C-alpha atoms as a PDB file:
ATOM      1  CA  MET A   1      14.351 -15.515  23.932  1.00  0.00           C
ATOM      2  CA  SER A   2      11.751 -15.847  21.175  1.00  0.00           C
ATOM      3  CA  THR A   3      12.719 -16.562  17.596  1.00  0.00           C
ATOM      4  CA  TYR A   4      10.244 -16.159  14.765  1.00  0.00           C
ATOM      5  CA  LYS A   5      10.637 -17.862  11.385  1.00  0.00           C
ATOM      6  CA  PRO A   6       8.034 -16.639   8.876  1.00  0.00           C
ATOM      7  CA  LEU A   7       6.281 -19.207   6.694  1.00  0.00           C
ATOM      8  CA  GLY A   8       5.460 -18.978   2.989  1.00  0.00           C
ATOM      9  CA  ASN A   9       5.555 -15.446   1.606  1.00  0.00           C
ATOM     10  CA  ARG A  10       5.496 -13.733   5.004  1.00  0.00           C
ATOM     11  CA  ILE A  11       8.042 -11.249   6.355  1.00  0.00           C
ATOM     12  CA  LEU A  12       8.950 -10.316   9.946  1.00  0.00           C
ATOM     13  CA  ILE A  13       9.559  -6.567  10.264  1.00  0.00           C
ATOM     14  CA  GLN A  14      10.299  -3.966  12.918  1.00  0.00           C
ATOM     15  CA  ALA A  15       9.107  -0.399  12.418  1.00  0.00           C
ATOM     16  CA  VAL A  16      11.781   2.281  12.243  1.00  0.00           C
ATOM     17  CA  GLY A  17      11.170   5.914  13.094  1.00  0.00           C
ATOM     18  CA  GLU A  18       8.740   7.473  15.500  1.00  0.00           C
ATOM     19  CA  ALA A  19       5.283   8.898  15.036  1.00  0.00           C
ATOM     20  CA  ASP A  20       5.080  12.679  15.267  1.00  0.00           C
ATOM     21  CA  GLU A  21       4.165  13.947  18.735  1.00  0.00           C
ATOM     22  CA  VAL A  22       3.533  17.571  17.763  1.00  0.00           C
ATOM     23  CA  THR A  23       1.903  18.984  14.631  1.00  0.00           C
ATOM     24  CA  LYS A  24       3.538  21.696  12.552  1.00  0.00           C
ATOM     25  CA  GLY A  25       1.131  24.140  14.227  1.00  0.00           C
ATOM     26  CA  GLY A  26       2.326  23.127  17.705  1.00  0.00           C
ATOM     27  CA  LEU A  27      -0.606  20.918  18.779  1.00  0.00           C
ATOM     28  CA  ILE A  28       0.309  17.862  20.850  1.00  0.00           C
ATOM     29  CA  ILE A  29      -0.985  14.584  19.389  1.00  0.00           C
ATOM     30  CA  PRO A  30      -2.239  12.037  21.961  1.00  0.00           C
ATOM     31  CA  ASP A  31      -0.990   8.424  21.711  1.00  0.00           C
ATOM     32  CA  SER A  32      -4.397   7.185  20.551  1.00  0.00           C
ATOM     33  CA  ALA A  33      -4.346   9.523  17.522  1.00  0.00           C
ATOM     34  CA  LYS A  34      -0.739   8.958  16.415  1.00  0.00           C
ATOM     35  CA  GLU A  35      -0.219   7.224  13.115  1.00  0.00           C
ATOM     36  CA  LYS A  36       2.268   4.397  13.169  1.00  0.00           C
ATOM     37  CA  PRO A  37       5.259   4.743  10.861  1.00  0.00           C
ATOM     38  CA  GLN A  38       5.015   2.715   7.677  1.00  0.00           C
ATOM     39  CA  LYS A  39       8.761   2.311   7.253  1.00  0.00           C
ATOM     40  CA  ALA A  40      10.349  -0.861   8.617  1.00  0.00           C
ATOM     41  CA  GLU A  41      13.438  -3.033   8.571  1.00  0.00           C
ATOM     42  CA  ILE A  42      13.157  -6.672   7.542  1.00  0.00           C
ATOM     43  CA  LEU A  43      14.278  -9.065  10.285  1.00  0.00           C
ATOM     44  CA  ALA A  44      13.368 -12.412   8.669  1.00  0.00           C
ATOM     45  CA  VAL A  45      11.752 -13.702   5.473  1.00  0.00           C
ATOM     46  CA  GLY A  46       9.929 -16.918   4.671  1.00  0.00           C
ATOM     47  CA  PRO A  47      10.986 -19.326   1.927  1.00  0.00           C
ATOM     48  CA  GLY A  48       8.507 -17.913  -0.596  1.00  0.00           C
ATOM     49  CA  LYS A  49       5.033 -18.698  -1.877  1.00  0.00           C
ATOM     50  CA  LEU A  50       4.335 -22.305  -2.782  1.00  0.00           C
ATOM     51  CA  ASN A  51       2.949 -22.494  -6.323  1.00  0.00           C
ATOM     52  CA  GLU A  52       0.311 -25.008  -7.438  1.00  0.00           C
ATOM     53  CA  ASP A  53       2.958 -27.087  -9.233  1.00  0.00           C
ATOM     54  CA  GLY A  54       4.970 -27.468  -5.998  1.00  0.00           C
ATOM     55  CA  THR A  55       7.736 -24.988  -6.815  1.00  0.00           C
ATOM     56  CA  ARG A  56       8.587 -21.992  -4.645  1.00  0.00           C
ATOM     57  CA  GLN A  57       8.350 -18.433  -5.910  1.00  0.00           C
ATOM     58  CA  PRO A  58      11.485 -16.662  -4.594  1.00  0.00           C
ATOM     59  CA  MET A  59      11.077 -13.629  -2.330  1.00  0.00           C
ATOM     60  CA  GLU A  60      11.888 -10.201  -3.786  1.00  0.00           C
ATOM     61  CA  VAL A  61      13.040  -8.812  -0.431  1.00  0.00           C
ATOM     62  CA  ALA A  62      15.883  -9.788   1.879  1.00  0.00           C
ATOM     63  CA  VAL A  63      16.838  -9.483   5.537  1.00  0.00           C
ATOM     64  CA  GLY A  64      18.249  -6.060   6.404  1.00  0.00           C
ATOM     65  CA  GLN A  65      16.395  -4.095   3.727  1.00  0.00           C
ATOM     66  CA  LYS A  66      14.234  -1.132   4.684  1.00  0.00           C
ATOM     67  CA  ILE A  67      10.737  -1.096   3.204  1.00  0.00           C
ATOM     68  CA  LEU A  68       7.496   0.856   3.059  1.00  0.00           C
ATOM     69  CA  TYR A  69       4.443  -1.272   3.794  1.00  0.00           C
ATOM     70  CA  ALA A  70       0.667  -0.890   3.477  1.00  0.00           C
ATOM     71  CA  LYS A  71      -1.034   1.026   6.287  1.00  0.00           C
ATOM     72  CA  TYR A  72      -3.365  -1.697   7.586  1.00  0.00           C
ATOM     73  CA  ALA A  73      -1.179  -4.683   6.760  1.00  0.00           C
ATOM     74  CA  GLY A  74       0.015  -7.480   8.977  1.00  0.00           C
ATOM     75  CA  THR A  75      -0.293  -8.867  12.469  1.00  0.00           C
ATOM     76  CA  GLU A  76       1.523  -7.391  15.454  1.00  0.00           C
ATOM     77  CA  VAL A  77       3.613  -9.730  17.615  1.00  0.00           C
ATOM     78  CA  ASP A  78       5.617  -9.068  20.771  1.00  0.00           C
ATOM     79  CA  GLY A  79       9.369  -9.305  20.507  1.00  0.00           C
ATOM     80  CA  ASP A  80      12.109  -9.412  23.105  1.00  0.00           C
ATOM     81  CA  ASP A  81      12.943  -6.182  24.944  1.00  0.00           C
ATOM     82  CA  ASP A  82       9.396  -4.891  24.285  1.00  0.00           C
ATOM     83  CA  ALA A  83      10.172  -4.526  20.575  1.00  0.00           C
ATOM     84  CA  GLU A  84       7.011  -4.257  18.492  1.00  0.00           C
ATOM     85  CA  LEU A  85       7.307  -6.618  15.576  1.00  0.00           C
ATOM     86  CA  MET A  86       4.902  -7.299  12.739  1.00  0.00           C
ATOM     87  CA  VAL A  87       4.379 -10.171  10.308  1.00  0.00           C
ATOM     88  CA  ILE A  88       3.199  -9.059   6.856  1.00  0.00           C
ATOM     89  CA  ARG A  89       2.784 -10.710   3.468  1.00  0.00           C
ATOM     90  CA  GLU A  90       5.200  -9.909   0.662  1.00  0.00           C
ATOM     91  CA  GLU A  91       2.388  -8.320  -1.381  1.00  0.00           C
ATOM     92  CA  ASP A  92       1.898  -5.730   1.403  1.00  0.00           C
ATOM     93  CA  VAL A  93       5.375  -4.332   0.678  1.00  0.00           C
ATOM     94  CA  LEU A  94       4.960  -1.153  -1.351  1.00  0.00           C
ATOM     95  CA  ALA A  95       8.611  -0.244  -1.928  1.00  0.00           C
ATOM     96  CA  ILE A  96      12.191  -0.934  -0.937  1.00  0.00           C
ATOM     97  CA  VAL A  97      13.841   2.154   0.583  1.00  0.00           C
ATOM     98  CA  GLU A  98      17.333   2.841  -0.695  1.00  0.00           C
ATOM     99  CA  ASP A  99      19.404   5.216   1.427  1.00  0.00           C
END
């Protein structure tokens, strides 16, 4: 079982939701043309950015929150049970989603 602990101002996320498979007009979208969802749940957060004076800047997000993130952000990593996980920087978070 793999465990990831993000460093600095990085966040481990897992996308929620599925990409559309059919357009509103009824056309089937192939896997290569599907856009990945940009909504995710935070699984782990790093300790925060280290400032030049040696202090840590606290993270504005927390584990369990749902977020919207930038389209081309982050690095994909493989999780257990074929879960697709991604590590992004805090500045790539566009918004916190409140249900």
